[in-house]
């Protein structure tokens, strides 16, 4: 039996063929800023990490901590 590739939909992943409208709609559904969603996807791809809700949460916490630390220095 040949291996079948199962594609799983990730609501936080931006596919290469997504239009700006699709990206804006994804961000709206998730309740986050479009630019934040784009930056998250870029960071995860650069780091070779999976793009899912768990990594989004970890990334957002890390970003918030970094922003806070920057603001107090």
Protein backbone atom coordinates (compact mmCIF):
# COMPACT_ATOMS: atom_id res chain seq x y z
CA UNK A 1 0.00 0.00 0.00
CA UNK A 2 1.56 3.33 -1.02
CA UNK A 3 2.11 6.02 1.58
CA UNK A 4 -0.60 8.61 1.51
CA UNK A 5 0.22 12.15 2.52
CA UNK A 6 -2.43 13.57 4.79
CA UNK A 7 -2.72 17.35 4.61
CA UNK A 8 -3.97 18.95 7.79
CA UNK A 9 -5.52 22.40 7.77
CA UNK A 10 -3.86 24.82 10.17
CA UNK A 11 -5.85 28.03 10.68
CA UNK A 12 -2.67 29.97 11.46
CA UNK A 13 -0.65 28.87 8.43
CA UNK A 14 -0.46 31.18 5.44
CA UNK A 15 -0.04 29.19 2.24
CA UNK A 16 2.12 30.60 -0.55
CA UNK A 17 -0.88 31.01 -2.84
CA UNK A 18 -3.05 32.98 -0.37
CA UNK A 19 -4.25 36.38 -1.48
CA UNK A 20 -4.15 39.44 0.77
CA UNK A 21 -7.91 39.05 1.25
CA UNK A 22 -7.50 35.45 2.41
CA UNK A 23 -4.74 36.47 4.82
CA UNK A 24 -6.91 39.28 6.19
CA UNK A 25 -9.83 36.88 6.62
CA UNK A 26 -7.65 34.32 8.43
CA UNK A 27 -6.39 37.01 10.80
CA UNK A 28 -9.93 38.24 11.43
CA UNK A 29 -11.13 34.70 12.22
CA UNK A 30 -8.23 34.26 14.64
CA UNK A 31 -8.80 37.69 16.16
CA UNK A 32 -5.28 38.92 15.49
CA UNK A 33 -3.67 41.60 13.38
CA UNK A 34 -2.82 40.61 9.79
CA UNK A 35 0.77 41.81 10.15
CA UNK A 36 1.19 39.72 13.30
CA UNK A 37 -0.02 36.62 11.46
CA UNK A 38 2.39 37.28 8.59
CA UNK A 39 5.34 37.89 10.95
CA UNK A 40 4.55 34.71 12.89
CA UNK A 41 4.51 32.64 9.69
CA UNK A 42 7.80 34.18 8.50
CA UNK A 43 9.49 33.55 11.86
CA UNK A 44 8.34 29.92 12.06
CA UNK A 45 9.43 29.17 8.48
CA UNK A 46 12.83 30.79 9.12
CA UNK A 47 13.26 28.73 12.31
CA UNK A 48 11.96 25.54 10.71
CA UNK A 49 9.24 25.18 13.34
CA UNK A 50 5.70 23.92 12.75
CA UNK A 51 3.01 26.50 12.16
CA UNK A 52 0.13 25.71 14.50
CA UNK A 53 -1.83 27.13 17.42
CA UNK A 54 0.66 25.86 20.01
CA UNK A 55 3.64 27.56 18.37
CA UNK A 56 1.53 30.69 17.84
CA UNK A 57 0.82 30.84 21.57
CA UNK A 58 4.48 30.29 22.48
CA UNK A 59 5.61 32.84 19.90
CA UNK A 60 3.08 35.44 21.09
CA UNK A 61 4.19 35.04 24.71
CA UNK A 62 7.83 35.38 23.70
CA UNK A 63 7.07 38.46 21.59
CA UNK A 64 5.14 40.06 24.47
CA UNK A 65 7.98 39.41 26.91
CA UNK A 66 10.54 40.83 24.48
CA UNK A 67 8.38 43.90 23.87
CA UNK A 68 7.98 44.45 27.61
CA UNK A 69 11.70 44.06 28.29
CA UNK A 70 12.48 46.50 25.50
CA UNK A 71 10.02 49.04 26.89
CA UNK A 72 11.54 49.04 30.39
CA UNK A 73 15.13 49.47 29.20
